[in-house]
Amino acid sequence: MQSHRRGQFALLGIIVLAVTILAILAQRPAEPAFAFERGSMQSAQLIHLARFCLAIGCSNATLASLVSSLQAYNSTEPLLMFPVVQAYYRCSASTNRVENYTFFTIQTLKGYEIVALGVSAQSGSVLNVFAKSYRGFTYVLKNTTLTYCHVYASPFSPIPVSAPPCPLSQPIAGLVYCPKILDPSGVAEIKQIGPCTWAVAIPGNYTLRDEFGIPVKVIVRG
């Protein structure tokens, strides 16, 4: 029953993302409907698969397994997917930023093209420190700012004229999304103060979660 529910949520995520992308694409000049809708739906499926991979602990082996499962499903259901010829995952970290990337190379009617997801969590300097009692424990929380965002890139998606900044070290142009952020343990304090920007109070280097279950690793500076 639990795996069935997870499957339903995964399918719902694909549908919601696909509808969003298709709604934006509908504002563009008309193009061949068959290949256009086919590519948009596949982009949504691959991006949702990439988010799921990050949520469960991504690696190149895990990503390849997920793509293989999707392609196997495509062989029995009319998903009309373009072939995925390569899937690649990479994570990088610096003194104040953690980035995760997934890249898919697909073979379309125009040749080899890229679908990508970039996720960035960047923290600022510590602004102040204070004590917080929670469930019988006292925590010393450090107040800082956090910029967190997703970038969804696809040959079938337009690049917005204006969007919140997403500090990716590797340039990926696409749709910028600011997911909700939470702390499952309830220790941290989180308040959104702008597009893709939060004020967070955390007990040192700390991992939050976004609405898709993806870990949001916050590196404390100072």
C-alpha atoms as a PDB file:
ATOM      1  CA  MET A   1       0.000   0.000   0.000  1.00  0.00           C
ATOM      2  CA  GLN A   2       2.812   2.423   0.887  1.00  0.00           C
ATOM      3  CA  SER A   3       4.665   1.783  -2.396  1.00  0.00           C
ATOM      4  CA  HIS A   4       1.376   2.253  -4.280  1.00  0.00           C
ATOM      5  CA  ARG A   5       0.900   5.648  -2.622  1.00  0.00           C
ATOM      6  CA  ARG A   6       4.473   6.654  -3.476  1.00  0.00           C
ATOM      7  CA  GLY A   7       3.750   5.695  -7.064  1.00  0.00           C
ATOM      8  CA  GLN A   8       0.625   7.858  -7.062  1.00  0.00           C
ATOM      9  CA  PHE A   9       2.544  10.844  -5.672  1.00  0.00           C
ATOM     10  CA  ALA A  10       5.291  10.354  -8.276  1.00  0.00           C
ATOM     11  CA  LEU A  11       2.727  10.250 -11.089  1.00  0.00           C
ATOM     12  CA  LEU A  12       1.016  13.350  -9.689  1.00  0.00           C
ATOM     13  CA  GLY A  13       4.351  15.184  -9.616  1.00  0.00           C
ATOM     14  CA  ILE A  14       4.973  14.326 -13.262  1.00  0.00           C
ATOM     15  CA  ILE A  15       1.511  15.503 -14.302  1.00  0.00           C
ATOM     16  CA  VAL A  16       1.714  18.779 -12.366  1.00  0.00           C
ATOM     17  CA  LEU A  17       5.142  19.643 -13.752  1.00  0.00           C
ATOM     18  CA  ALA A  18       4.120  18.670 -17.280  1.00  0.00           C
ATOM     19  CA  VAL A  19       0.983  20.811 -17.144  1.00  0.00           C
ATOM     20  CA  THR A  20       3.021  23.775 -15.870  1.00  0.00           C
ATOM     21  CA  ILE A  21       5.595  23.489 -18.647  1.00  0.00           C
ATOM     22  CA  LEU A  22       2.939  22.977 -21.321  1.00  0.00           C
ATOM     23  CA  ALA A  23       1.007  26.027 -20.086  1.00  0.00           C
ATOM     24  CA  ILE A  24       4.114  28.185 -20.468  1.00  0.00           C
ATOM     25  CA  LEU A  25       4.918  26.682 -23.841  1.00  0.00           C
ATOM     26  CA  ALA A  26       1.393  27.464 -25.043  1.00  0.00           C
ATOM     27  CA  GLN A  27       2.363  31.143 -25.055  1.00  0.00           C
ATOM     28  CA  ARG A  28       5.010  30.552 -27.729  1.00  0.00           C
ATOM     29  CA  PRO A  29       4.421  30.566 -31.517  1.00  0.00           C
ATOM     30  CA  ALA A  30       2.871  27.381 -32.857  1.00  0.00           C
ATOM     31  CA  GLU A  31       5.206  24.489 -33.662  1.00  0.00           C
ATOM     32  CA  PRO A  32       4.634  20.884 -34.773  1.00  0.00           C
ATOM     33  CA  ALA A  33       2.325  19.535 -32.074  1.00  0.00           C
ATOM     34  CA  PHE A  34       3.411  15.902 -32.091  1.00  0.00           C
ATOM     35  CA  ALA A  35       7.130  16.330 -31.409  1.00  0.00           C
ATOM     36  CA  PHE A  36       6.556  19.417 -29.245  1.00  0.00           C
ATOM     37  CA  GLU A  37       4.180  17.791 -26.735  1.00  0.00           C
ATOM     38  CA  ARG A  38       6.182  14.605 -26.786  1.00  0.00           C
ATOM     39  CA  GLY A  39       9.347  16.437 -25.758  1.00  0.00           C
ATOM     40  CA  SER A  40       7.663  18.580 -23.101  1.00  0.00           C
ATOM     41  CA  MET A  41       6.149  15.576 -21.347  1.00  0.00           C
ATOM     42  CA  GLN A  42       9.433  13.693 -21.409  1.00  0.00           C
ATOM     43  CA  SER A  43      11.290  16.701 -19.999  1.00  0.00           C
ATOM     44  CA  ALA A  44       8.818  16.800 -17.121  1.00  0.00           C
ATOM     45  CA  GLN A  45       9.266  13.077 -16.493  1.00  0.00           C
ATOM     46  CA  LEU A  46      13.060  13.312 -16.481  1.00  0.00           C
ATOM     47  CA  ILE A  47      13.119  16.353 -14.180  1.00  0.00           C
ATOM     48  CA  HIS A  48      10.752  14.642 -11.766  1.00  0.00           C
ATOM     49  CA  LEU A  49      12.979  11.541 -11.904  1.00  0.00           C
ATOM     50  CA  ALA A  50      16.038  13.727 -11.148  1.00  0.00           C
ATOM     51  CA  ARG A  51      14.319  15.305  -8.124  1.00  0.00           C
ATOM     52  CA  PHE A  52      13.394  11.837  -6.844  1.00  0.00           C
ATOM     53  CA  CYS A  53      17.008  10.700  -7.279  1.00  0.00           C
ATOM     54  CA  LEU A  54      18.242  13.648  -5.202  1.00  0.00           C
ATOM     55  CA  ALA A  55      15.631  12.938  -2.527  1.00  0.00           C
ATOM     56  CA  ILE A  56      16.701   9.311  -2.019  1.00  0.00           C
ATOM     57  CA  GLY A  57      20.459   9.929  -2.320  1.00  0.00           C
ATOM     58  CA  CYS A  58      21.591  10.296  -5.907  1.00  0.00           C
ATOM     59  CA  SER A  59      24.561   8.700  -7.633  1.00  0.00           C
ATOM     60  CA  ASN A  60      25.288   7.877 -11.253  1.00  0.00           C
ATOM     61  CA  ALA A  61      24.336   4.257 -10.589  1.00  0.00           C
ATOM     62  CA  THR A  62      21.024   5.243  -8.982  1.00  0.00           C
ATOM     63  CA  LEU A  63      20.239   7.669 -11.778  1.00  0.00           C
ATOM     64  CA  ALA A  64      21.004   5.046 -14.434  1.00  0.00           C
ATOM     65  CA  SER A  65      18.733   2.553 -12.666  1.00  0.00           C
ATOM     66  CA  LEU A  66      15.869   5.050 -12.552  1.00  0.00           C
ATOM     67  CA  VAL A  67      16.275   5.907 -16.243  1.00  0.00           C
ATOM     68  CA  SER A  68      16.339   2.203 -17.087  1.00  0.00           C
ATOM     69  CA  SER A  69      13.067   1.685 -15.183  1.00  0.00           C
ATOM     70  CA  LEU A  70      11.466   4.628 -16.994  1.00  0.00           C
ATOM     71  CA  GLN A  71      12.578   3.320 -20.376  1.00  0.00           C
ATOM     72  CA  ALA A  72      11.298  -0.156 -19.547  1.00  0.00           C
ATOM     73  CA  TYR A  73       7.929   1.377 -18.663  1.00  0.00           C
ATOM     74  CA  ASN A  74       8.041   3.318 -21.931  1.00  0.00           C
ATOM     75  CA  SER A  75       8.314   0.039 -23.846  1.00  0.00           C
ATOM     76  CA  THR A  76       4.905  -1.090 -22.570  1.00  0.00           C
ATOM     77  CA  GLU A  77       3.075   2.252 -22.272  1.00  0.00           C
ATOM     78  CA  PRO A  78       2.614   4.965 -24.950  1.00  0.00           C
ATOM     79  CA  LEU A  79       4.921   7.587 -23.404  1.00  0.00           C
ATOM     80  CA  LEU A  80       6.447   8.395 -26.817  1.00  0.00           C
ATOM     81  CA  MET A  81       9.822   9.056 -25.198  1.00  0.00           C
ATOM     82  CA  PHE A  82      12.881  10.096 -27.141  1.00  0.00           C
ATOM     83  CA  PRO A  83      15.809   7.749 -26.394  1.00  0.00           C
ATOM     84  CA  VAL A  84      17.905   8.717 -23.346  1.00  0.00           C
ATOM     85  CA  VAL A  85      21.473   8.073 -24.448  1.00  0.00           C
ATOM     86  CA  GLN A  86      23.232   9.314 -21.286  1.00  0.00           C
ATOM     87  CA  ALA A  87      22.401  10.277 -17.685  1.00  0.00           C
ATOM     88  CA  TYR A  88      24.940  12.007 -15.454  1.00  0.00           C
ATOM     89  CA  TYR A  89      24.941  13.254 -11.833  1.00  0.00           C
ATOM     90  CA  ARG A  90      27.377  15.647 -10.176  1.00  0.00           C
ATOM     91  CA  CYS A  91      27.595  17.326  -6.767  1.00  0.00           C
ATOM     92  CA  SER A  92      29.926  20.165  -5.786  1.00  0.00           C
ATOM     93  CA  ALA A  93      30.462  22.177  -2.599  1.00  0.00           C
ATOM     94  CA  SER A  94      32.362  25.319  -1.638  1.00  0.00           C
ATOM     95  CA  THR A  95      32.744  27.366   1.542  1.00  0.00           C
ATOM     96  CA  ASN A  96      29.099  28.469   1.457  1.00  0.00           C
ATOM     97  CA  ARG A  97      27.346  26.623  -1.348  1.00  0.00           C
ATOM     98  CA  VAL A  98      26.218  23.099  -2.222  1.00  0.00           C
ATOM     99  CA  GLU A  99      25.118  22.293  -5.768  1.00  0.00           C
ATOM    100  CA  ASN A 100      23.583  19.197  -7.340  1.00  0.00           C
ATOM    101  CA  TYR A 101      23.215  18.614 -11.071  1.00  0.00           C
ATOM    102  CA  THR A 102      21.599  15.949 -13.198  1.00  0.00           C
ATOM    103  CA  PHE A 103      21.996  15.921 -16.972  1.00  0.00           C
ATOM    104  CA  PHE A 104      20.154  13.780 -19.501  1.00  0.00           C
ATOM    105  CA  THR A 105      21.177  13.580 -23.140  1.00  0.00           C
ATOM    106  CA  ILE A 106      18.222  12.680 -25.339  1.00  0.00           C
ATOM    107  CA  GLN A 107      18.134  12.001 -29.067  1.00  0.00           C
ATOM    108  CA  THR A 108      15.353  14.078 -30.613  1.00  0.00           C
ATOM    109  CA  LEU A 109      14.307  14.741 -34.198  1.00  0.00           C
ATOM    110  CA  LYS A 110      16.892  17.566 -34.194  1.00  0.00           C
ATOM    111  CA  GLY A 111      19.771  15.483 -32.807  1.00  0.00           C
ATOM    112  CA  TYR A 112      21.309  15.202 -29.341  1.00  0.00           C
ATOM    113  CA  GLU A 113      19.857  17.654 -26.781  1.00  0.00           C
ATOM    114  CA  ILE A 114      20.071  18.181 -23.019  1.00  0.00           C
ATOM    115  CA  VAL A 115      17.503  18.091 -20.220  1.00  0.00           C
ATOM    116  CA  ALA A 116      18.991  19.240 -16.919  1.00  0.00           C
ATOM    117  CA  LEU A 117      18.181  19.984 -13.294  1.00  0.00           C
ATOM    118  CA  GLY A 118      20.406  22.281 -11.248  1.00  0.00           C
ATOM    119  CA  VAL A 119      19.862  22.736  -7.501  1.00  0.00           C
ATOM    120  CA  SER A 120      21.749  25.323  -5.439  1.00  0.00           C
ATOM    121  CA  ALA A 121      21.836  26.068  -1.699  1.00  0.00           C
ATOM    122  CA  GLN A 122      23.937  29.109  -0.804  1.00  0.00           C
ATOM    123  CA  SER A 123      24.256  30.577   2.702  1.00  0.00           C
ATOM    124  CA  GLY A 124      25.357  34.001   3.913  1.00  0.00           C
ATOM    125  CA  SER A 125      27.406  35.025   6.932  1.00  0.00           C
ATOM    126  CA  VAL A 126      26.115  34.471  10.465  1.00  0.00           C
ATOM    127  CA  LEU A 127      24.110  37.508  11.575  1.00  0.00           C
ATOM    128  CA  ASN A 128      23.564  36.633  15.234  1.00  0.00           C
ATOM    129  CA  VAL A 129      23.397  33.735  17.679  1.00  0.00           C
ATOM    130  CA  PHE A 130      20.675  32.876  20.185  1.00  0.00           C
ATOM    131  CA  ALA A 131      19.513  30.002  22.403  1.00  0.00           C
ATOM    132  CA  LYS A 132      16.317  28.054  21.790  1.00  0.00           C
ATOM    133  CA  SER A 133      14.662  25.433  23.998  1.00  0.00           C
ATOM    134  CA  TYR A 134      12.852  22.694  22.119  1.00  0.00           C
ATOM    135  CA  ARG A 135      11.469  19.427  23.530  1.00  0.00           C
ATOM    136  CA  GLY A 136      13.604  19.598  26.650  1.00  0.00           C
ATOM    137  CA  PHE A 137      16.843  20.506  24.877  1.00  0.00           C
ATOM    138  CA  THR A 138      18.574  23.847  24.477  1.00  0.00           C
ATOM    139  CA  TYR A 139      20.071  24.631  21.084  1.00  0.00           C
ATOM    140  CA  VAL A 140      22.398  27.458  20.096  1.00  0.00           C
ATOM    141  CA  LEU A 141      21.046  28.650  16.762  1.00  0.00           C
ATOM    142  CA  LYS A 142      22.950  30.712  14.231  1.00  0.00           C
ATOM    143  CA  ASN A 143      20.902  33.117  12.145  1.00  0.00           C
ATOM    144  CA  THR A 144      21.862  33.391   8.470  1.00  0.00           C
ATOM    145  CA  THR A 145      20.335  33.804   5.025  1.00  0.00           C
ATOM    146  CA  LEU A 146      19.794  31.024   2.525  1.00  0.00           C
ATOM    147  CA  THR A 147      19.288  31.203  -1.230  1.00  0.00           C
ATOM    148  CA  TYR A 148      17.801  27.964  -2.516  1.00  0.00           C
ATOM    149  CA  CYS A 149      16.469  27.238  -5.984  1.00  0.00           C
ATOM    150  CA  HIS A 150      15.930  24.736  -8.762  1.00  0.00           C
ATOM    151  CA  VAL A 151      16.610  25.381 -12.453  1.00  0.00           C
ATOM    152  CA  TYR A 152      14.790  23.210 -14.991  1.00  0.00           C
ATOM    153  CA  ALA A 153      16.416  23.283 -18.423  1.00  0.00           C
ATOM    154  CA  SER A 154      15.071  21.657 -21.566  1.00  0.00           C
ATOM    155  CA  PRO A 155      15.160  22.236 -25.330  1.00  0.00           C
ATOM    156  CA  PHE A 156      11.356  22.296 -25.147  1.00  0.00           C
ATOM    157  CA  SER A 157      11.104  24.955 -22.402  1.00  0.00           C
ATOM    158  CA  PRO A 158      11.416  28.714 -22.918  1.00  0.00           C
ATOM    159  CA  ILE A 159      13.942  30.766 -20.976  1.00  0.00           C
ATOM    160  CA  PRO A 160      12.018  33.320 -18.866  1.00  0.00           C
ATOM    161  CA  VAL A 161      12.653  36.982 -19.562  1.00  0.00           C
ATOM    162  CA  SER A 162      12.983  37.584 -15.813  1.00  0.00           C
ATOM    163  CA  ALA A 163      13.368  35.106 -12.957  1.00  0.00           C
ATOM    164  CA  PRO A 164      14.779  35.014  -9.405  1.00  0.00           C
ATOM    165  CA  PRO A 165      18.574  34.641  -9.418  1.00  0.00           C
ATOM    166  CA  CYS A 166      19.799  31.090  -8.912  1.00  0.00           C
ATOM    167  CA  PRO A 167      23.515  30.966  -8.018  1.00  0.00           C
ATOM    168  CA  LEU A 168      24.710  27.999 -10.056  1.00  0.00           C
ATOM    169  CA  SER A 169      28.423  27.834 -10.851  1.00  0.00           C
ATOM    170  CA  GLN A 170      27.627  25.896 -14.012  1.00  0.00           C
ATOM    171  CA  PRO A 171      25.482  28.017 -16.326  1.00  0.00           C
ATOM    172  CA  ILE A 172      22.085  26.393 -16.869  1.00  0.00           C
ATOM    173  CA  ALA A 173      19.402  28.551 -18.463  1.00  0.00           C
ATOM    174  CA  GLY A 174      15.807  27.548 -17.829  1.00  0.00           C
ATOM    175  CA  LEU A 175      12.817  27.823 -15.530  1.00  0.00           C
ATOM    176  CA  VAL A 176      13.703  28.868 -11.964  1.00  0.00           C
ATOM    177  CA  TYR A 177      11.606  27.399  -9.152  1.00  0.00           C
ATOM    178  CA  CYS A 178      11.761  28.235  -5.423  1.00  0.00           C
ATOM    179  CA  PRO A 179      10.550  25.158  -3.486  1.00  0.00           C
ATOM    180  CA  LYS A 180       9.198  25.366   0.036  1.00  0.00           C
ATOM    181  CA  ILE A 181      11.769  24.530   2.736  1.00  0.00           C
ATOM    182  CA  LEU A 182      11.135  22.812   6.068  1.00  0.00           C
ATOM    183  CA  ASP A 183      12.921  21.134   8.958  1.00  0.00           C
ATOM    184  CA  PRO A 184      11.455  17.679   9.724  1.00  0.00           C
ATOM    185  CA  SER A 185      13.042  17.751  13.210  1.00  0.00           C
ATOM    186  CA  GLY A 186      11.482  21.124  14.082  1.00  0.00           C
ATOM    187  CA  VAL A 187      14.709  22.574  15.507  1.00  0.00           C
ATOM    188  CA  ALA A 188      15.458  25.184  12.851  1.00  0.00           C
ATOM    189  CA  GLU A 189      13.542  28.421  12.320  1.00  0.00           C
ATOM    190  CA  ILE A 190      12.735  29.263   8.700  1.00  0.00           C
ATOM    191  CA  LYS A 191      11.108  32.354   7.189  1.00  0.00           C
ATOM    192  CA  GLN A 192      10.950  33.263   3.507  1.00  0.00           C
ATOM    193  CA  ILE A 193      12.058  36.877   2.978  1.00  0.00           C
ATOM    194  CA  GLY A 194      12.192  37.094  -0.804  1.00  0.00           C
ATOM    195  CA  PRO A 195      12.183  35.119  -4.060  1.00  0.00           C
ATOM    196  CA  CYS A 196      14.204  31.948  -3.370  1.00  0.00           C
ATOM    197  CA  THR A 197      15.593  33.591  -0.203  1.00  0.00           C
ATOM    198  CA  TRP A 198      15.025  32.589   3.436  1.00  0.00           C
ATOM    199  CA  ALA A 199      16.143  33.684   6.870  1.00  0.00           C
ATOM    200  CA  VAL A 200      17.132  30.504   8.711  1.00  0.00           C
ATOM    201  CA  ALA A 201      18.341  29.860  12.248  1.00  0.00           C
ATOM    202  CA  ILE A 202      20.201  26.548  12.508  1.00  0.00           C
ATOM    203  CA  PRO A 203      22.547  24.781  14.995  1.00  0.00           C
ATOM    204  CA  GLY A 204      25.702  24.916  12.862  1.00  0.00           C
ATOM    205  CA  ASN A 205      26.032  23.122   9.525  1.00  0.00           C
ATOM    206  CA  TYR A 206      22.594  21.645   9.040  1.00  0.00           C
ATOM    207  CA  THR A 207      20.415  19.790   6.544  1.00  0.00           C
ATOM    208  CA  LEU A 208      16.879  20.941   5.831  1.00  0.00           C
ATOM    209  CA  ARG A 209      14.478  19.437   3.266  1.00  0.00           C
ATOM    210  CA  ASP A 210      12.552  20.981   0.420  1.00  0.00           C
ATOM    211  CA  GLU A 211       8.978  20.122  -0.572  1.00  0.00           C
ATOM    212  CA  PHE A 212      10.210  17.255  -2.784  1.00  0.00           C
ATOM    213  CA  GLY A 213      12.221  15.663   0.027  1.00  0.00           C
ATOM    214  CA  ILE A 214      15.554  16.840  -1.413  1.00  0.00           C
ATOM    215  CA  PRO A 215      18.199  17.543   1.275  1.00  0.00           C
ATOM    216  CA  VAL A 216      19.067  21.241   1.590  1.00  0.00           C
ATOM    217  CA  LYS A 217      22.549  21.356   3.099  1.00  0.00           C
ATOM    218  CA  VAL A 218      23.258  24.724   4.743  1.00  0.00           C
ATOM    219  CA  ILE A 219      26.902  25.555   5.409  1.00  0.00           C
ATOM    220  CA  VAL A 220      27.421  28.023   8.272  1.00  0.00           C
ATOM    221  CA  ARG A 221      30.024  30.754   7.759  1.00  0.00           C
ATOM    222  CA  GLY A 222      31.358  32.467  10.883  1.00  0.00           C
END
